Structures are given as structure tokens and as C-alpha cells.
Protein backbone atom coordinates (compact mmCIF):
# COMPACT_ATOMS: atom_id res chain seq x y z
CA MET A 1 26.24 11.71 -9.55
CA LEU A 2 25.74 13.79 -6.97
CA ILE A 3 27.18 17.20 -6.15
CA GLU A 4 25.17 19.25 -3.80
CA PHE A 5 21.79 18.62 -1.95
CA SER A 6 19.78 21.75 -0.04
CA VAL A 7 17.05 22.22 1.49
CA GLU A 8 14.94 24.71 3.87
CA ASN A 9 12.38 24.59 5.90
CA PHE A 10 11.15 20.88 6.31
CA LEU A 11 11.64 18.95 9.77
CA SER A 12 14.15 19.62 11.90
CA PHE A 13 16.04 21.79 8.66
CA LYS A 14 14.67 25.31 9.32
CA ASP A 15 17.49 27.28 7.65
CA LEU A 16 18.67 26.44 4.36
CA ALA A 17 21.64 23.42 4.64
CA THR A 18 23.46 22.05 1.65
CA PHE A 19 25.13 18.75 1.89
CA SER A 20 28.33 18.53 -0.90
CA MET A 21 29.62 15.64 -2.46
CA VAL A 22 32.34 18.65 -4.73
CA ALA A 23 36.05 17.92 -3.39
CA ALA A 24 38.56 20.56 -2.21
CA LYS A 25 40.52 21.57 -4.31
CA SER A 26 42.96 22.43 -1.35
CA PHE A 27 42.90 18.50 -0.32
CA LYS A 28 44.97 16.52 -2.01
CA GLU A 29 45.30 13.80 0.51
CA TYR A 30 43.64 10.05 -1.25
CA LYS A 31 43.41 12.04 -4.18
CA ASP A 32 43.47 8.68 -6.69
CA SER A 33 41.72 5.99 -4.32
CA HIS A 34 38.79 8.66 -2.85
CA THR A 35 37.42 11.16 -5.79
CA ILE A 36 35.93 11.36 -9.25
CA GLU A 37 37.63 14.26 -10.79
CA ILE A 38 34.86 14.71 -13.44
CA ASP A 39 36.73 18.01 -15.58
CA ASN A 40 39.08 20.80 -14.87
CA ASN A 41 36.90 22.68 -12.34
CA LEU A 42 34.49 19.56 -10.77
CA THR A 43 36.03 16.88 -8.65
CA LEU A 44 33.72 14.80 -6.21
CA LEU A 45 33.58 12.62 -3.82
CA LYS A 46 33.51 9.19 -3.18
CA SER A 47 32.73 8.59 -0.22
CA ALA A 48 31.11 10.93 2.63
CA ILE A 49 30.04 10.43 6.66
CA VAL A 50 27.62 12.16 8.45
CA TYR A 51 28.05 12.20 12.19
CA GLY A 52 25.85 14.23 15.34
CA ASN A 53 24.01 13.06 18.22
CA ASN A 54 20.69 11.00 18.85
CA ALA A 55 17.73 13.56 17.16
CA SER A 56 20.70 15.86 15.90
CA GLY A 57 18.59 15.81 12.04
CA LYS A 58 21.00 13.21 10.11
CA SER A 59 17.86 10.65 9.77
CA ASN A 60 15.73 14.23 9.02
CA LEU A 61 18.73 14.47 6.04
CA PHE A 62 18.43 11.82 4.79
CA GLU A 63 14.10 11.61 4.42
CA ALA A 64 14.17 15.48 2.84
CA ILE A 65 16.35 13.81 -0.02
CA ASN A 66 13.79 11.00 -0.02
CA PHE A 67 11.13 13.02 0.04
CA MET A 68 12.61 14.57 -3.10
CA LYS A 69 13.01 11.90 -4.56
CA ALA A 70 9.76 10.36 -3.90
CA THR A 71 7.49 13.88 -4.68
CA VAL A 72 9.95 13.74 -8.11
CA LEU A 73 8.52 10.16 -9.03
CA ASN A 74 5.18 10.58 -7.40
CA SER A 75 3.94 13.71 -7.81
CA PHE A 76 1.57 12.93 -11.50
CA ARG A 77 0.76 9.77 -10.68
CA ASP A 78 0.40 10.66 -7.22
CA ALA A 79 -2.51 13.39 -8.21
CA LEU A 80 -4.26 10.88 -10.13
CA MET A 81 -5.18 8.19 -7.56
CA GLY A 82 -6.41 12.05 -5.00
CA ASN A 83 -8.43 13.01 -8.03
CA ASN A 84 -6.35 16.03 -8.68
CA GLU A 85 -6.79 17.33 -4.77
CA ARG A 86 -3.45 15.39 -3.87
CA THR A 87 -1.69 17.65 -1.20
CA PHE A 88 2.21 16.63 -0.47
CA PRO A 89 2.92 15.36 2.70
CA LEU A 90 5.19 18.13 3.15
CA GLU A 91 6.42 18.42 7.15
CA LYS A 92 7.46 21.68 7.97
CA PHE A 93 9.73 22.79 10.57
CA ALA A 94 7.59 23.21 13.45
CA LEU A 95 9.15 24.64 16.11
CA SER A 96 8.59 28.55 14.66
CA SER A 97 5.15 30.01 13.64
CA LYS A 98 7.20 31.46 11.23
CA SER A 99 8.16 28.32 9.18
CA GLU A 100 4.58 27.48 9.56
CA LYS A 101 3.52 29.88 6.97
CA GLU A 102 6.22 29.88 4.53
CA THR A 103 6.92 27.01 1.58
CA SER A 104 9.26 24.06 1.40
CA PHE A 105 12.63 24.38 -0.91
CA PHE A 106 14.70 21.63 -2.02
CA GLU A 107 17.10 21.70 -5.12
CA ILE A 108 19.76 18.52 -6.14
CA SER A 109 22.42 19.24 -8.42
CA PHE A 110 24.06 15.49 -9.77
CA ILE A 111 25.33 14.80 -13.03
CA GLN A 112 23.49 12.46 -15.57
CA ASN A 113 24.45 10.93 -19.11
CA GLY A 114 28.04 13.77 -18.86
CA VAL A 115 25.82 16.57 -18.57
CA LYS A 116 24.51 18.71 -15.23
CA TYR A 117 22.10 19.38 -13.88
CA ARG A 118 20.10 21.94 -11.25
CA TYR A 119 16.80 20.81 -10.40
CA GLY A 120 14.49 22.22 -7.43
CA PHE A 121 11.03 23.58 -6.24
CA GLU A 122 9.21 25.73 -3.62
CA LEU A 123 6.34 23.32 -2.12
CA ASP A 124 3.57 24.51 -0.50
CA PHE A 125 0.96 21.86 0.87
CA ASP A 126 -1.34 21.80 -1.60
CA LYS A 127 1.01 23.71 -4.59
CA VAL A 128 3.88 23.84 -6.72
CA VAL A 129 4.80 27.44 -5.78
CA ALA A 130 8.13 27.51 -8.05
CA GLU A 131 9.90 24.81 -9.66
CA TRP A 132 13.16 25.03 -12.28
CA LEU A 133 15.74 22.90 -14.48
CA PHE A 134 18.88 24.15 -15.62
CA HIS A 135 21.75 22.36 -17.34
CA THR A 136 25.11 23.30 -17.76
CA THR A 137 26.78 22.64 -21.16
CA SER A 138 29.73 25.00 -21.31
CA LYS A 139 27.99 27.68 -19.25
CA GLU A 140 24.58 27.08 -17.13
CA VAL A 141 21.20 27.60 -18.96
CA TYR A 142 17.83 27.21 -17.52
CA LEU A 143 15.48 25.05 -19.69
CA PHE A 144 12.57 25.92 -17.61
CA LYS A 145 11.05 28.00 -14.55
CA ARG A 146 8.16 28.22 -12.83
CA ASP A 147 6.40 30.48 -11.04
CA LEU A 148 3.62 29.42 -9.52
CA GLN A 149 1.48 27.95 -12.69
CA SER A 150 3.95 30.30 -15.32
CA ILE A 151 5.90 28.02 -17.09
CA GLU A 152 8.78 30.11 -18.92
CA ILE A 153 10.19 27.31 -21.26
CA ASN A 154 13.68 27.38 -22.89
CA LYS A 155 12.43 26.94 -26.47
CA SER A 156 15.49 26.66 -28.30
CA ALA A 157 17.13 24.32 -25.24
CA PHE A 158 13.96 22.41 -24.24
CA LYS A 159 11.97 21.83 -27.32
CA GLU A 160 10.54 18.75 -25.89
CA ALA A 161 8.76 20.59 -23.64
CA ILE A 162 7.17 23.61 -26.07
CA GLY A 163 2.89 23.22 -25.56
CA LYS A 164 2.71 21.14 -22.38
CA GLU A 165 3.23 24.08 -19.76
CA GLU A 166 -0.51 24.97 -19.89
CA ASP A 167 -1.52 21.70 -18.98
CA VAL A 168 0.00 21.06 -15.92
CA LYS A 169 -2.00 21.05 -13.08
CA GLU A 170 -0.78 23.02 -9.49
CA ASN A 171 -0.15 20.11 -7.59
CA VAL A 172 2.26 18.47 -9.61
CA LEU A 173 5.74 18.69 -10.72
CA PHE A 174 6.15 19.85 -14.67
CA LEU A 175 9.27 17.29 -14.48
CA SER A 176 7.12 14.68 -13.22
CA TYR A 177 4.78 15.47 -15.76
CA LEU A 178 6.94 15.50 -18.67
CA ALA A 179 8.16 12.53 -17.93
CA TYR A 180 4.63 10.87 -17.73
CA LEU A 181 3.86 11.54 -20.93
CA GLN A 182 7.35 9.99 -22.27
CA LYS A 183 8.16 12.70 -24.95
CA SER A 184 11.06 14.38 -23.02
CA GLU A 185 14.16 12.86 -23.97
CA ILE A 186 15.43 14.96 -21.11
CA SER A 187 13.32 14.31 -18.03
CA ASN A 188 13.14 10.69 -18.97
CA ASN A 189 16.84 10.90 -17.98
CA LEU A 190 16.38 13.19 -15.10
CA ILE A 191 13.46 10.06 -13.75
CA LYS A 192 16.34 7.54 -14.50
CA TRP A 193 18.22 9.16 -12.00
CA PHE A 194 16.41 10.00 -9.35
CA GLY A 195 14.84 6.13 -9.52
CA ASN A 196 18.78 4.85 -9.79
CA PHE A 197 19.43 6.59 -6.38
CA ASN A 198 18.96 4.54 -3.40
CA LEU A 199 18.49 4.97 0.40
CA ILE A 200 18.36 2.03 2.84
CA ASN A 201 18.29 1.58 6.28
CA GLY A 202 20.78 -0.01 8.56
CA ILE A 203 18.46 -0.69 11.14
CA HIS A 204 16.64 -2.96 8.73
CA ASP A 205 16.58 -5.27 5.87
CA ARG A 206 12.93 -5.46 5.21
CA LEU A 207 13.33 -2.95 2.28
CA HIS A 208 16.12 -4.05 0.63
CA LYS A 209 16.64 -7.71 1.76
CA ARG A 210 14.14 -8.71 -1.17
CA TYR A 211 16.13 -7.14 -3.20
CA THR A 212 18.99 -9.27 -2.04
CA ILE A 213 17.47 -12.60 -2.76
CA ASP A 214 15.79 -12.10 -5.82
CA LYS A 215 18.94 -10.87 -6.58
CA LEU A 216 20.86 -14.30 -5.55
CA LYS A 217 17.97 -16.44 -7.18
CA SER A 218 18.93 -14.77 -10.59
CA ASP A 219 22.35 -13.64 -10.65
CA ASN A 220 25.02 -16.06 -11.25
CA GLN A 221 27.85 -13.30 -10.27
CA PHE A 222 26.52 -11.87 -7.85
CA PHE A 223 25.70 -15.20 -5.99
CA SER A 224 29.45 -16.42 -6.59
CA TRP A 225 30.52 -12.65 -5.32
CA VAL A 226 28.51 -13.37 -2.54
CA LEU A 227 29.97 -16.41 -1.07
CA HIS A 228 33.22 -15.46 -1.77
CA PHE A 229 32.49 -12.40 0.16
CA ILE A 230 31.33 -13.61 3.57
CA LYS A 231 33.32 -17.06 3.04
CA TYR A 232 35.27 -15.95 5.93
CA LEU A 233 31.79 -16.29 8.22
CA GLU A 234 32.45 -20.60 7.57
CA ILE A 235 29.74 -20.42 5.34
CA SER A 236 30.52 -23.03 2.15
CA ASN A 237 27.53 -22.63 0.97
CA LEU A 238 23.58 -20.63 -0.05
CA SER A 239 20.73 -21.77 -1.63
CA THR A 240 17.01 -20.57 -1.58
CA THR A 241 14.22 -22.23 -1.22
CA GLU A 242 10.04 -21.45 -0.90
CA GLU A 243 9.04 -21.50 1.99
CA ASP A 244 5.43 -23.26 3.18
CA VAL A 245 2.52 -21.74 4.50
CA ASN A 246 1.04 -23.28 7.68
CA GLU A 247 -2.63 -23.55 6.01
CA VAL A 248 -4.67 -25.33 8.27
CA SER A 249 -6.05 -29.07 7.48
CA LEU A 250 -9.58 -28.62 6.94
CA GLU A 251 -10.36 -32.44 6.72
CA THR A 252 -9.19 -32.78 10.73
CA LEU A 253 -11.23 -30.07 11.65
CA ARG A 254 -14.38 -31.86 10.73
CA GLU A 255 -13.71 -34.95 11.69
CA LYS A 256 -12.99 -33.20 15.10
CA GLY A 257 -16.77 -32.15 14.62
CA LYS A 258 -15.62 -28.42 15.02
CA ASP A 259 -18.53 -25.44 13.79
CA GLU A 260 -19.29 -25.21 10.42
CA GLU A 261 -18.92 -21.62 10.67
CA ILE A 262 -15.80 -21.57 11.05
CA ILE A 263 -14.63 -24.22 8.77
CA ASN A 264 -16.50 -22.18 5.89
CA LEU A 265 -14.09 -19.47 7.14
CA LEU A 266 -11.19 -20.82 7.57
CA THR A 267 -11.81 -21.62 4.09
CA SER A 268 -12.00 -18.63 2.38
CA ILE A 269 -9.07 -18.04 4.51
CA GLN A 270 -7.31 -21.17 2.60
CA LYS A 271 -8.44 -19.87 -0.88
CA ILE A 272 -6.37 -16.32 -0.47
CA GLN A 273 -3.47 -17.93 0.86
CA SER A 274 -3.07 -20.56 -2.27
CA LYS A 275 -2.95 -17.32 -4.01
CA GLN A 276 -0.66 -15.61 -2.18
CA PRO A 277 3.44 -15.90 -3.80
CA LYS A 278 5.65 -18.40 -1.39
CA ARG A 279 8.09 -16.40 0.79
CA ASP A 280 11.16 -17.25 0.13
CA GLN A 281 13.89 -18.81 2.46
CA LEU A 282 17.67 -18.20 2.32
CA ILE A 283 18.89 -21.40 3.95
CA THR A 284 23.64 -21.73 4.70
CA TYR A 285 25.87 -24.47 4.55
CA HIS A 286 28.16 -25.01 7.69
CA ARG A 287 30.99 -27.55 7.40
CA LYS A 288 30.32 -30.29 10.35
CA TYR A 289 33.68 -32.38 11.50
CA ASP A 290 34.31 -35.43 13.26
CA GLU A 291 36.53 -35.53 16.40
CA ASN A 292 39.64 -35.76 13.95
CA ASN A 293 37.99 -32.31 12.65
CA ILE A 294 37.92 -33.96 9.46
CA LEU A 295 34.62 -32.57 7.41
CA ILE A 296 31.82 -35.24 6.77
CA GLU A 297 28.76 -33.10 5.91
CA THR A 298 27.38 -29.94 5.61
CA VAL A 299 24.46 -28.34 7.97
CA PRO A 300 21.98 -26.61 6.29
CA PHE A 301 20.82 -23.41 8.51
CA ASN A 302 17.56 -21.34 9.12
CA PHE A 303 19.38 -18.26 8.01
CA ASP A 304 16.35 -15.85 9.78
CA GLN A 305 16.69 -17.71 12.72
CA GLN A 306 20.12 -19.32 13.27
CA GLU A 307 22.85 -17.17 11.78
CA SER A 308 23.62 -13.98 14.29
CA GLU A 309 22.21 -10.35 13.68
CA GLY A 310 25.51 -9.04 12.23
CA THR A 311 25.51 -11.54 9.91
CA LYS A 312 22.00 -11.39 8.35
CA LYS A 313 22.97 -7.31 7.95
CA LEU A 314 26.02 -7.39 6.19
CA LEU A 315 24.12 -10.49 3.81
CA TYR A 316 21.23 -8.60 2.89
CA LEU A 317 23.64 -4.97 2.53
CA LEU A 318 25.14 -7.05 -0.31
CA GLY A 319 22.42 -6.23 -2.22
CA PRO A 320 22.32 -3.24 -3.13
CA TRP A 321 25.89 -2.33 -1.92
CA TYR A 322 26.71 -4.72 -5.44
CA ASP A 323 24.13 -2.98 -7.18
CA THR A 324 25.46 0.46 -6.63
CA LEU A 325 29.59 -0.37 -7.38
CA GLN A 326 28.18 -2.21 -10.70
CA LYS A 327 25.82 0.47 -11.79
CA GLY A 328 27.03 3.58 -11.12
CA LYS A 329 24.97 4.63 -8.13
CA VAL A 330 24.86 6.61 -5.42
CA LEU A 331 24.12 5.50 -2.33
CA ILE A 332 22.90 6.62 1.35
CA VAL A 333 22.58 3.85 4.49
CA ASP A 334 21.70 5.31 7.16
CA GLU A 335 23.46 3.18 10.56
CA LEU A 336 25.34 1.94 8.68
CA GLU A 337 27.31 0.43 11.70
CA SER A 338 23.96 -0.82 13.26
CA ARG A 339 24.54 -4.83 13.98
CA LEU A 340 28.47 -4.53 12.19
CA HIS A 341 32.01 -4.66 14.19
CA SER A 342 33.74 -1.69 13.67
CA HIS A 343 36.77 -4.00 11.42
CA LEU A 344 33.65 -4.67 9.23
CA THR A 345 32.39 -1.77 8.24
CA LEU A 346 35.69 -0.19 7.59
CA ARG A 347 36.59 -2.71 5.36
CA LEU A 348 33.07 -2.20 3.52
CA ILE A 349 34.03 1.05 3.07
CA ASP A 350 37.41 0.70 1.57
CA PHE A 351 36.55 -1.71 -0.45
CA PHE A 352 33.87 0.84 -1.81
CA HIS A 353 37.19 2.88 -2.17
CA SER A 354 39.13 0.96 -3.54
CA PHE A 355 37.23 -0.99 -6.07
CA ASN A 356 35.13 1.35 -7.26
CA ARG A 357 35.07 1.56 -11.25
CA SER A 358 31.79 3.11 -12.63
CA SER A 359 31.88 6.18 -10.17
CA ALA A 360 29.36 5.13 -7.50
CA GLN A 361 28.63 7.12 -4.63
CA LEU A 362 28.24 6.37 -0.95
CA ILE A 363 27.00 8.61 1.79
CA CYS A 364 26.55 6.83 5.50
CA ALA A 365 25.07 8.29 8.95
CA VAL A 366 26.83 6.72 11.38
CA HIS A 367 28.38 6.53 15.37
CA ASP A 368 31.01 4.38 15.29
CA VAL A 369 34.02 7.13 16.26
CA SER A 370 36.83 4.34 15.35
CA LEU A 371 35.82 5.42 11.26
CA LEU A 372 36.57 9.54 12.10
CA ASN A 373 40.17 8.51 10.84
CA LYS A 374 42.24 10.86 9.13
CA GLU A 375 43.59 6.88 7.03
CA ILE A 376 39.57 6.50 6.22
CA PHE A 377 38.38 9.87 4.81
CA ARG A 378 39.46 13.22 3.68
CA ARG A 379 38.40 16.30 5.71
CA ASP A 380 35.79 17.35 2.64
CA GLN A 381 33.83 14.01 3.26
CA ILE A 382 33.47 14.19 7.01
CA TRP A 383 30.25 16.12 8.15
CA PHE A 384 28.34 16.99 11.38
CA VAL A 385 24.77 17.29 11.98
CA GLU A 386 24.38 19.58 15.64
CA LYS A 387 20.37 20.77 16.98
CA ASN A 388 21.17 24.40 18.24
CA GLN A 389 19.19 25.71 21.20
CA PHE A 390 16.31 26.80 19.06
CA GLY A 391 15.72 22.95 17.53
CA VAL A 392 17.33 23.93 14.13
CA SER A 393 19.65 21.25 12.68
CA GLU A 394 22.84 22.80 11.62
CA LEU A 395 24.92 21.48 9.11
CA THR A 396 28.92 21.51 9.16
CA SER A 397 31.82 20.23 6.86
CA LEU A 398 35.01 18.90 9.00
CA ALA A 399 36.84 21.09 5.50
CA ASP A 400 34.78 24.05 6.48
CA PHE A 401 36.64 24.33 10.25
CA LYS A 402 39.60 26.44 10.50
CA THR A 403 43.13 25.14 10.20
CA ASP A 404 44.18 26.30 13.87
CA THR A 405 41.27 23.58 14.90
CA VAL A 406 41.29 20.59 12.30
CA ARG A 407 44.53 20.24 10.23
CA ASN A 408 45.01 16.91 7.87
CA LYS A 409 47.07 15.69 11.06
CA SER A 410 44.79 15.98 14.10
CA ALA A 411 43.45 13.09 15.64
CA PHE A 412 39.76 13.49 14.07
CA ASP A 413 38.07 11.43 16.48
CA LYS A 414 39.86 12.63 19.76
CA ASN A 415 38.73 16.06 18.89
CA TYR A 416 35.56 15.30 17.77
CA LEU A 417 34.79 13.11 21.61
CA GLU A 418 36.16 16.42 22.84
CA GLY A 419 33.55 18.39 21.74
CA LYS A 420 36.44 20.62 19.56
CA TYR A 421 33.65 20.00 16.12
CA GLY A 422 30.33 19.78 18.59
CA ALA A 423 27.76 17.19 17.03
CA ILE A 424 28.55 14.82 20.59
CA PRO A 425 25.81 13.69 23.32
CA TYR A 426 25.83 15.74 26.00
CA PHE A 427 24.04 16.25 29.44
CA ASN A 428 25.09 17.16 32.93
CA ILE A 429 25.98 14.51 36.10
CA ASP A 430 25.07 17.06 38.43
CA LYS A 431 23.62 16.35 42.03
CA LYS A 432 20.05 17.18 40.77
CA LEU A 433 20.24 13.44 38.55
CA ASN A 434 21.56 11.64 41.55
CA GLU A 435 18.56 13.76 44.45
CA LEU A 436 16.53 12.62 41.87
CA LEU A 437 17.26 9.12 41.64
CA TYR A 438 17.38 8.02 45.16
CA GLU A 439 15.62 10.78 47.20
CA LYS A 440 12.49 9.14 46.97
CA ARG A 441 13.52 5.62 47.94
CA GLU A 442 15.33 6.73 50.94
CA THR A 443 12.30 8.65 52.41
CA GLU A 444 10.62 5.26 52.19
CA GLN A 445 12.98 3.73 53.58
CA ILE A 446 13.27 5.91 56.52
């Protein structure tokens, strides 16, 4: 479970920004359905929603989390592939001459196997400047602390790392190195947590489409669950089939006397095609009725070609949705509501709150203001991202606003559209816009 994530000097986040899934102790609404009680001192949120103007930094927040995940998982492997000269693909804040010379900061707190961890690092393009790992049992203690190539290990709490600190390269995370050695139980558990931290794009399905189709083929329980989930779409059944690759008929070409060089080229292409795995095609079946509305047969539809964009989005999303809820993972979705009806998005979120038995968490960025509702989210679940005049993204929770601005009974959507929370699209509709639009055309007509 995610507790907090912090980032500094990455993409549009110049200053330290912290995103938290910690529930506010003073808020009592939806305590049973929207929160996860860890202990007497810590309660976490099941979900959070992020609003902001276009280009405000919502996606950059998720990119920062994904960068940290990818760096932890791939640091050692990438260094090997790059002959130990690998540089980190950092994108520091570009609108400040000071930021270009400073390090980028990433820190994340989470719970894995009942233990709280706080892990972070500072990077420059070519090296790890600092790295640290703490865990909490009765109190927080460090497991290791790194300052460039100097690594201090807690010899009583992190014995498995002793003797390994001299071997790690300056462009490799110590945690990644320990996990690669597969001799550190703690590091392997942490790597497993990062691997279960899933991020998907709500606009494009291509990354999670493959996962959902494979799971439909291999998991009968998931197949039945999906079929029941989408029955309101009047889909009576699903199936997958292998789509044949369009191969060139060489005999037909020879009969027509085509150039032998072209035939040889196509022969090579055909050999390559024969070795490629065939693509899976998803088929949906719809009921067909006669003039008396009596069912006569079911008609197969090519899912990608004949179903609506919203139907495709929903079905492909169900794979990671099911996996997250069943296994207690963290799922981040950028542009969740894209191509979905507002009510359907609402129902998906409500399902996540109501049928979440495994302490799974959902974080999503949206534009749909209808979701900004006290009947759907607590105040501490709602976040805003806004850029200031210097192009710096700033992250704010609705829970941080003073009570004279927001109350539990406030109309969150109305206040947001009125600009009380910031983070809304805005441009001046003035006379100059009108002049620039029509002035030249009117002059030409004269």
C-alpha cells in the first residue's frame, strides 16, 4: 500500500511536492468504505483523484512515479547493457538555470508484508548522489544510507547487505543491486512491491490490452467476471481467435511473371512472418432477433473494428482493474474517464470502494467535474495540480484548504468551476482575440 510519494526537480515539479494517501484523522465521512485502517496511528485511503488544467502537471506526477519505479527495477540491468556507462534519463525542471545544476529527488513510503518502508534517492545524470532505506517496526530506523559511493549499513537490522556495499557502481542503485544478487530478502520484497505498482494510460489501451486478452484466454474466473460485468452492453458472449497474417501468394506472383528479385524479397518476408506469433483477435457476440423479436442466433463482431470506443476502453481496463482488486495492488490511471460515460466512471470508482477486500488502491487523473462530489470522495481524496507564473507545478489537497473555503457540505464541483480551488483552464475572452480572428479577412474583403 502506498503511503506517500515525493518528487523534486523533475519535469514540471521544480520544488518539493508530496502526494499522500494518508487519511485525515479529523474527517469521519466514508470511514468504513473509503479508508484502510493500518493501526491506531495510520489510516490510508483506498483511492485519490487528481484534477488540473491541461498541461498543469497531472501526467508529470504520474511520470515521476513511473520513473522511480523503472529506475528501481532496471537500474542494475541497464548499467550492464550500457557497459557501465549508463546515464539516467532524467528530465530536470527546464525553466530554471539553478535546477539544471541540481539533483532530482524521489522518495516513496509504503507498506509491504505488514512493514512500513521509506525509500528514496537523489540522482544526477551520471550517478546516484544519495540513497536511503528506512523501515518501521516499533520506531523508524535506517537500513542503509548512501552518500555517493559511501554506504553505511545498519549491521543489526540489515545483515544481508553487509559486504555488498563495495561492489555497487556509481550509476546503480544499491537496492537494485542487492535485488539482482537475490540474496537479500528485504530488497527482493521491495522490488516485488514496485513491480506490483501499475500505471496505465486511459487514452491508449495498447499497453494493458495484451494483458486483458491473455487473462481472458487463461483465467476462466476472470472470463466469467468480465462477461457478467459487461452484460449491460448486450454482449452475450466473448471469444478469442488467432488472426491470420496476410501472406503473399508466391505462386500467384510467379504465374504472373513478376520480377524474381521481388519474389526472393517476399520469400524472406514470408519466412520472417511465419516465425512471428499470430495476433489474438477478440470476438464479441450479440443477439439477433426476427421480426417478432424472437431470438434466432448470435452474431459475431470483430471487437476492435465493430464495437464502440467506450466499450473497448472498458473491457481492456477490466484486466488491470480485476488484478488490482484481487491482489491488493496500487493502480494509477491517467485520464480515467476518457471515452467513458460519466455514470460508468462513477460506477467503476464505486465498485472499487465497495468491493475492495485486499487493501487495493486507485489513483486517477480526470477532467470530469461530475466526479468532484462529496457523495463520491472525501476531501482528503481530492487533489489539484496547478502551474504558477514560473511554470512550476504545485500540488494541493482539498483537505489543505481552510474551512472558510471548503467544508464537508460544500459543493465541490461548483466551487472548483468558480475557481475557488484553482487548477482550472482559463483564458481571457477579450477584444484582441476578436480582432486577430477577423481583422485581416475584413481588410481583404474591402
